[in-house]
Amino acid sequence: MAKGIIGFSFTFTALFVDAVGNPFVPVSPTIEVYYFNAVGVRLSLVAPGTAMSVVSGFPNQFAYTVTLPTTLTADRQVYATMRGADPGTGDILVVEEQVDLFDPQVSCGGLRTSFVKAGVC
C-alpha cells in the first residue's frame, strides 16, 4: 500500500514477472485508476486500457503518473489495476495497487519527519 497526497501527482509502477519470477517485457501494458465515492459508486480517474510507459533504463518496468484530484478526501482510497500479456504464454498478468490519501491542508496523514545527523565518528 502506498500514500498519496491530494492535489499532487502519484506514479504507479509495475514490474511484470513470469510464473518463476523472471521479469519480462509485457505486450501492451495498460492501467486503469479509480476510486469509490461515499455511496460506493466506482469513479474512473484513468480509463481502462490506458497505455503505460516504460521506465527509462528499466525495460521490464512500466509507469503511469496521475494527479490526485483536489475533490478527493482523506477517507477515500485510489486503486490501480495494471495489466500486461506475457509474450511467451499470452497469459494476462494483473498488478494491483491501493493508495491511501491524505490532505496536506488537514493532517499529516501519519507521516513523520525525522532528522539524521551525518558525520565522521
Protein backbone atom coordinates (compact mmCIF):
# COMPACT_ATOMS: atom_id res chain seq x y z
CA MET A 1 0.00 0.00 0.00
CA ALA A 2 1.21 3.49 -0.79
CA LYS A 3 0.39 7.01 0.37
CA GLY A 4 -0.64 9.80 -1.97
CA ILE A 5 -1.09 13.50 -1.37
CA ILE A 6 -4.36 15.00 -2.57
CA GLY A 7 -3.69 17.58 -5.29
CA PHE A 8 -0.25 16.18 -6.16
CA SER A 9 0.96 13.66 -8.73
CA PHE A 10 1.36 9.98 -7.93
CA THR A 11 3.23 7.47 -10.07
CA PHE A 12 2.01 3.90 -10.30
CA THR A 13 4.68 1.39 -11.31
CA ALA A 14 4.63 -2.27 -12.24
CA LEU A 15 7.29 -4.91 -12.74
CA PHE A 16 5.89 -7.87 -14.64
CA VAL A 17 7.30 -11.31 -13.78
CA ASP A 18 6.53 -14.78 -15.11
CA ALA A 19 5.46 -17.85 -13.13
CA VAL A 20 9.01 -18.48 -11.85
CA GLY A 21 9.71 -14.83 -11.00
CA ASN A 22 11.70 -13.78 -14.05
CA PRO A 23 10.98 -10.23 -15.25
CA PHE A 24 9.73 -9.87 -18.81
CA VAL A 25 8.59 -7.10 -21.11
CA PRO A 26 4.80 -7.44 -21.42
CA VAL A 27 2.82 -6.89 -24.58
CA SER A 28 0.88 -3.60 -24.43
CA PRO A 29 0.81 -2.93 -20.66
CA THR A 30 -2.21 -0.89 -19.59
CA ILE A 31 -3.60 0.74 -16.47
CA GLU A 32 -6.90 1.87 -15.04
CA VAL A 33 -7.19 4.08 -11.95
CA TYR A 34 -10.38 4.51 -9.94
CA TYR A 35 -11.92 5.18 -6.55
CA PHE A 36 -15.27 4.73 -4.83
CA ASN A 37 -17.34 7.71 -3.69
CA ALA A 38 -19.14 7.95 -0.33
CA VAL A 39 -22.07 5.84 -1.54
CA GLY A 40 -19.91 3.15 -3.17
CA VAL A 41 -20.12 4.24 -6.80
CA ARG A 42 -16.94 3.45 -8.73
CA LEU A 43 -15.49 6.55 -10.43
CA SER A 44 -12.70 6.50 -13.00
CA LEU A 45 -9.59 8.70 -12.87
CA VAL A 46 -7.82 6.91 -15.74
CA ALA A 47 -9.86 4.92 -18.27
CA PRO A 48 -9.29 1.15 -18.57
CA GLY A 49 -6.83 0.29 -21.32
CA THR A 50 -4.70 3.43 -20.96
CA ALA A 51 -1.12 2.68 -22.07
CA MET A 52 1.71 2.69 -19.55
CA SER A 53 5.22 3.96 -20.35
CA VAL A 54 8.46 2.06 -19.92
CA VAL A 55 10.68 3.35 -17.10
CA SER A 56 13.86 4.74 -18.65
CA GLY A 57 16.74 2.33 -18.10
CA PHE A 58 14.46 -0.45 -16.81
CA PRO A 59 12.83 -2.17 -19.81
CA ASN A 60 10.67 -4.53 -17.69
CA GLN A 61 9.20 -1.74 -15.51
CA PHE A 62 6.29 0.43 -16.53
CA ALA A 63 4.82 3.58 -15.01
CA TYR A 64 1.89 5.96 -15.23
CA THR A 65 1.61 9.29 -13.38
CA VAL A 66 -1.75 10.77 -12.40
CA THR A 67 -2.63 13.89 -10.42
CA LEU A 68 -4.83 13.05 -7.44
CA PRO A 69 -7.81 15.44 -7.74
CA THR A 70 -8.40 18.04 -5.05
CA THR A 71 -12.02 16.83 -4.91
CA LEU A 72 -10.86 13.63 -3.18
CA THR A 73 -10.86 13.37 0.60
CA ALA A 74 -8.57 11.56 3.02
CA ASP A 75 -11.23 8.96 3.82
CA ARG A 76 -11.02 7.56 0.26
CA GLN A 77 -8.52 5.23 -1.37
CA VAL A 78 -7.42 5.20 -5.00
CA TYR A 79 -6.90 1.90 -6.79
CA ALA A 80 -4.95 0.94 -9.90
CA THR A 81 -5.16 -2.22 -11.96
CA MET A 82 -2.25 -2.73 -14.34
CA ARG A 83 -2.31 -5.47 -16.99
CA GLY A 84 0.23 -6.90 -19.39
CA ALA A 85 0.42 -10.02 -21.55
CA ASP A 86 3.29 -12.48 -21.17
CA PRO A 87 4.72 -12.73 -24.70
CA GLY A 88 5.75 -16.35 -24.13
CA THR A 89 2.39 -17.69 -22.97
CA GLY A 90 -0.15 -14.99 -23.85
CA ASP A 91 -1.35 -15.00 -20.24
CA ILE A 92 -2.64 -11.66 -18.95
CA LEU A 93 -0.91 -10.73 -15.70
CA VAL A 94 -2.53 -8.29 -13.29
CA VAL A 95 -0.78 -5.99 -10.81
CA GLU A 96 -2.95 -4.07 -8.35
CA GLU A 97 -2.06 -1.16 -6.08
CA GLN A 98 -4.03 0.70 -3.42
CA VAL A 99 -3.18 4.26 -2.40
CA ASP A 100 -4.23 5.80 0.91
CA LEU A 101 -4.81 9.52 0.60
CA PHE A 102 -4.07 12.38 2.89
CA ASP A 103 -4.91 16.03 2.65
CA PRO A 104 -1.91 18.26 3.40
CA GLN A 105 -4.32 21.06 4.40
CA VAL A 106 -5.92 18.95 7.14
CA SER A 107 -3.44 16.42 8.53
CA CYS A 108 -0.01 14.97 8.15
CA GLY A 109 -1.51 11.61 7.16
CA GLY A 110 0.67 9.60 9.51
CA LEU A 111 3.88 10.93 8.01
CA ARG A 112 6.63 11.78 10.44
CA THR A 113 9.66 13.99 9.98
CA SER A 114 12.95 12.89 11.42
CA PHE A 115 16.39 14.39 11.20
CA VAL A 116 19.60 12.41 10.91
CA LYS A 117 22.95 13.87 11.79
CA ALA A 118 25.67 12.70 9.43
CA GLY A 119 29.32 12.98 10.18
CA VAL A 120 32.56 11.23 10.93
CA CYS A 121 32.89 9.28 14.17
